[in-house]
Amino acid sequence: MPLEILLILVIGGISAIAVILHLTGRSDRAVLLPEDARAAWHRHFPDDMILGVTVAHDGHAALVETEQGPGLLWSFGADTVGRHLRDFDLFDHPQGLRVLFHDFTAPQVTLHLSPDERRDWQARMTPR
């Protein structure tokens, strides 16, 4: 098979899969409820004892209080990412807060928070 035809088939196939996933709703970001956030955190960190969960007003992030300290859970497509808040920098962002992790597997995340949420989350995330 000529390379040009193979290239067209590969690009067309990948594009078709992307369109089908988008049209069936599989590309939507996960929306978290408190019980969803607990289940997702336990999926990432099964041994953690959760003391409390605060979900952002848009439902795309949650601040999780554990016995080991605070953690952050956020939507990444239809799935979630969770990180303990141990080694990070916190910056104000026009839409909320930007968290810069010192971890190459999840370098940064922008949290979309209201002004009241921003103050509350910033106070709870700042190391004591």
C-alpha atoms as a PDB file:
ATOM      1  CA  MET A   1       0.000   0.000   0.000  1.00  0.00           C
ATOM      2  CA  PRO A   2       1.420   3.400  -0.881  1.00  0.00           C
ATOM      3  CA  LEU A   3       2.480   5.561   2.050  1.00  0.00           C
ATOM      4  CA  GLU A   4       0.152   8.411   1.012  1.00  0.00           C
ATOM      5  CA  ILE A   5      -2.922   6.171   1.236  1.00  0.00           C
ATOM      6  CA  LEU A   6      -1.815   4.710   4.562  1.00  0.00           C
ATOM      7  CA  LEU A   7      -1.288   8.217   5.939  1.00  0.00           C
ATOM      8  CA  ILE A   8      -4.781   9.271   4.804  1.00  0.00           C
ATOM      9  CA  LEU A   9      -6.322   6.167   6.419  1.00  0.00           C
ATOM     10  CA  VAL A  10      -4.525   6.743   9.733  1.00  0.00           C
ATOM     11  CA  ILE A  11      -5.359  10.452   9.912  1.00  0.00           C
ATOM     12  CA  GLY A  12      -8.958   9.807   8.841  1.00  0.00           C
ATOM     13  CA  GLY A  13      -9.369   6.995  11.373  1.00  0.00           C
ATOM     14  CA  ILE A  14      -8.018   9.043  14.281  1.00  0.00           C
ATOM     15  CA  SER A  15     -10.174  12.030  13.264  1.00  0.00           C
ATOM     16  CA  ALA A  16     -13.268   9.833  13.028  1.00  0.00           C
ATOM     17  CA  ILE A  17     -12.635   8.404  16.494  1.00  0.00           C
ATOM     18  CA  ALA A  18     -12.202  11.906  17.939  1.00  0.00           C
ATOM     19  CA  VAL A  19     -15.452  13.102  16.329  1.00  0.00           C
ATOM     20  CA  ILE A  20     -17.388  10.050  17.525  1.00  0.00           C
ATOM     21  CA  LEU A  21     -16.101  10.487  21.090  1.00  0.00           C
ATOM     22  CA  HIS A  22     -17.044  14.158  21.052  1.00  0.00           C
ATOM     23  CA  LEU A  23     -20.525  13.544  19.627  1.00  0.00           C
ATOM     24  CA  THR A  24     -21.277  10.822  22.180  1.00  0.00           C
ATOM     25  CA  GLY A  25     -20.313  13.129  25.073  1.00  0.00           C
ATOM     26  CA  ARG A  26     -17.137  11.286  26.041  1.00  0.00           C
ATOM     27  CA  SER A  27     -15.065  14.466  25.734  1.00  0.00           C
ATOM     28  CA  ASP A  28     -16.981  16.367  28.441  1.00  0.00           C
ATOM     29  CA  ARG A  29     -15.131  17.232  31.625  1.00  0.00           C
ATOM     30  CA  ALA A  30     -16.114  15.289  34.728  1.00  0.00           C
ATOM     31  CA  VAL A  31     -18.414  17.186  37.085  1.00  0.00           C
ATOM     32  CA  LEU A  32     -17.752  16.328  40.711  1.00  0.00           C
ATOM     33  CA  LEU A  33     -20.230  16.032  43.529  1.00  0.00           C
ATOM     34  CA  PRO A  34     -18.881  15.487  47.062  1.00  0.00           C
ATOM     35  CA  GLU A  35     -19.503  11.726  46.916  1.00  0.00           C
ATOM     36  CA  ASP A  36     -17.892  11.540  43.444  1.00  0.00           C
ATOM     37  CA  ALA A  37     -14.865  13.423  44.751  1.00  0.00           C
ATOM     38  CA  ARG A  38     -14.531  11.002  47.675  1.00  0.00           C
ATOM     39  CA  ALA A  39     -14.715   7.991  45.356  1.00  0.00           C
ATOM     40  CA  ALA A  40     -12.213   9.511  42.923  1.00  0.00           C
ATOM     41  CA  TRP A  41      -9.799  10.372  45.756  1.00  0.00           C
ATOM     42  CA  HIS A  42     -10.010   6.822  47.076  1.00  0.00           C
ATOM     43  CA  ARG A  43      -9.305   5.546  43.582  1.00  0.00           C
ATOM     44  CA  HIS A  44      -6.091   7.607  43.525  1.00  0.00           C
ATOM     45  CA  PHE A  45      -5.152   7.153  47.196  1.00  0.00           C
ATOM     46  CA  PRO A  46      -6.989   4.126  48.624  1.00  0.00           C
ATOM     47  CA  ASP A  47      -5.261   4.261  52.029  1.00  0.00           C
ATOM     48  CA  ASP A  48      -6.132   7.910  52.805  1.00  0.00           C
ATOM     49  CA  MET A  49      -8.703   8.727  55.468  1.00  0.00           C
ATOM     50  CA  ILE A  50     -10.826  11.597  54.131  1.00  0.00           C
ATOM     51  CA  LEU A  51     -11.868  14.160  56.737  1.00  0.00           C
ATOM     52  CA  GLY A  52     -13.742  16.536  54.429  1.00  0.00           C
ATOM     53  CA  VAL A  53     -14.369  17.507  50.812  1.00  0.00           C
ATOM     54  CA  THR A  54     -15.084  20.948  49.366  1.00  0.00           C
ATOM     55  CA  VAL A  55     -16.170  21.008  45.730  1.00  0.00           C
ATOM     56  CA  ALA A  56     -15.709  24.156  43.619  1.00  0.00           C
ATOM     57  CA  HIS A  57     -18.869  25.874  42.380  1.00  0.00           C
ATOM     58  CA  ASP A  58     -18.203  24.734  38.792  1.00  0.00           C
ATOM     59  CA  GLY A  59     -17.771  21.118  39.935  1.00  0.00           C
ATOM     60  CA  HIS A  60     -14.435  20.640  38.168  1.00  0.00           C
ATOM     61  CA  ALA A  61     -12.211  20.647  41.264  1.00  0.00           C
ATOM     62  CA  ALA A  62     -12.341  19.581  44.895  1.00  0.00           C
ATOM     63  CA  LEU A  63     -10.216  20.355  47.925  1.00  0.00           C
ATOM     64  CA  VAL A  64      -9.869  17.173  49.955  1.00  0.00           C
ATOM     65  CA  GLU A  65      -8.872  17.226  53.628  1.00  0.00           C
ATOM     66  CA  THR A  66      -7.097  14.028  54.682  1.00  0.00           C
ATOM     67  CA  GLU A  67      -5.178  12.887  57.731  1.00  0.00           C
ATOM     68  CA  GLN A  68      -2.003  13.431  55.675  1.00  0.00           C
ATOM     69  CA  GLY A  69      -2.991  17.039  54.918  1.00  0.00           C
ATOM     70  CA  PRO A  70      -4.879  18.755  52.117  1.00  0.00           C
ATOM     71  CA  GLY A  71      -5.142  17.360  48.613  1.00  0.00           C
ATOM     72  CA  LEU A  72      -6.452  18.602  45.318  1.00  0.00           C
ATOM     73  CA  LEU A  73      -8.642  16.709  42.878  1.00  0.00           C
ATOM     74  CA  TRP A  74      -9.552  18.115  39.464  1.00  0.00           C
ATOM     75  CA  SER A  75     -11.229  17.080  36.226  1.00  0.00           C
ATOM     76  CA  PHE A  76      -9.028  16.046  33.359  1.00  0.00           C
ATOM     77  CA  GLY A  77     -11.429  15.208  30.575  1.00  0.00           C
ATOM     78  CA  ALA A  78     -13.811  12.503  31.706  1.00  0.00           C
ATOM     79  CA  ASP A  79     -11.394  11.410  34.449  1.00  0.00           C
ATOM     80  CA  THR A  80      -9.808  13.046  37.486  1.00  0.00           C
ATOM     81  CA  VAL A  81      -6.311  13.778  38.730  1.00  0.00           C
ATOM     82  CA  GLY A  82      -5.468  13.857  42.428  1.00  0.00           C
ATOM     83  CA  ARG A  83      -2.413  15.224  44.199  1.00  0.00           C
ATOM     84  CA  HIS A  84      -1.487  15.750  47.825  1.00  0.00           C
ATOM     85  CA  LEU A  85      -0.613  19.391  48.429  1.00  0.00           C
ATOM     86  CA  ARG A  86       2.955  18.963  49.624  1.00  0.00           C
ATOM     87  CA  ASP A  87       5.422  20.545  47.209  1.00  0.00           C
ATOM     88  CA  PHE A  88       3.717  23.287  45.194  1.00  0.00           C
ATOM     89  CA  ASP A  89       3.483  27.010  44.547  1.00  0.00           C
ATOM     90  CA  LEU A  90       0.186  28.879  44.601  1.00  0.00           C
ATOM     91  CA  PHE A  91      -0.501  31.919  42.410  1.00  0.00           C
ATOM     92  CA  ASP A  92      -3.490  34.210  41.927  1.00  0.00           C
ATOM     93  CA  HIS A  93      -5.062  33.894  38.510  1.00  0.00           C
ATOM     94  CA  PRO A  94      -7.816  36.056  36.956  1.00  0.00           C
ATOM     95  CA  GLN A  95     -10.126  33.024  36.980  1.00  0.00           C
ATOM     96  CA  GLY A  96      -9.168  31.748  40.442  1.00  0.00           C
ATOM     97  CA  LEU A  97      -5.908  30.099  41.485  1.00  0.00           C
ATOM     98  CA  ARG A  98      -3.037  28.487  39.625  1.00  0.00           C
ATOM     99  CA  VAL A  99      -1.258  25.622  41.362  1.00  0.00           C
ATOM    100  CA  LEU A 100       2.247  24.842  40.161  1.00  0.00           C
ATOM    101  CA  PHE A 101       3.275  21.385  41.306  1.00  0.00           C
ATOM    102  CA  HIS A 102       6.934  20.463  41.506  1.00  0.00           C
ATOM    103  CA  ASP A 103       6.025  17.214  39.786  1.00  0.00           C
ATOM    104  CA  PHE A 104       6.527  16.533  36.087  1.00  0.00           C
ATOM    105  CA  THR A 105       3.495  14.211  35.944  1.00  0.00           C
ATOM    106  CA  ALA A 106       1.082  17.080  36.762  1.00  0.00           C
ATOM    107  CA  PRO A 107       2.986  20.329  36.375  1.00  0.00           C
ATOM    108  CA  GLN A 108       0.143  22.812  36.902  1.00  0.00           C
ATOM    109  CA  VAL A 109      -3.592  23.321  37.104  1.00  0.00           C
ATOM    110  CA  THR A 110      -5.782  26.409  36.982  1.00  0.00           C
ATOM    111  CA  LEU A 111      -8.725  26.301  39.369  1.00  0.00           C
ATOM    112  CA  HIS A 112     -11.776  28.322  38.330  1.00  0.00           C
ATOM    113  CA  LEU A 113     -13.007  29.776  41.615  1.00  0.00           C
ATOM    114  CA  SER A 114     -15.230  32.642  42.687  1.00  0.00           C
ATOM    115  CA  PRO A 115     -13.557  35.392  44.760  1.00  0.00           C
ATOM    116  CA  ASP A 116     -14.975  33.963  48.010  1.00  0.00           C
ATOM    117  CA  GLU A 117     -13.855  30.447  47.089  1.00  0.00           C
ATOM    118  CA  ARG A 118     -10.428  31.759  46.120  1.00  0.00           C
ATOM    119  CA  ARG A 119      -9.837  33.282  49.558  1.00  0.00           C
ATOM    120  CA  ASP A 120     -11.128  30.174  51.361  1.00  0.00           C
ATOM    121  CA  TRP A 121      -9.177  27.684  49.239  1.00  0.00           C
ATOM    122  CA  GLN A 122      -6.004  29.775  49.359  1.00  0.00           C
ATOM    123  CA  ALA A 123      -6.142  29.870  53.160  1.00  0.00           C
ATOM    124  CA  ARG A 124      -6.774  26.125  53.383  1.00  0.00           C
ATOM    125  CA  MET A 125      -4.101  25.216  50.818  1.00  0.00           C
ATOM    126  CA  THR A 126      -1.307  27.397  52.185  1.00  0.00           C
ATOM    127  CA  PRO A 127       1.154  25.356  54.251  1.00  0.00           C
ATOM    128  CA  ARG A 128       1.005  26.208  57.927  1.00  0.00           C
END
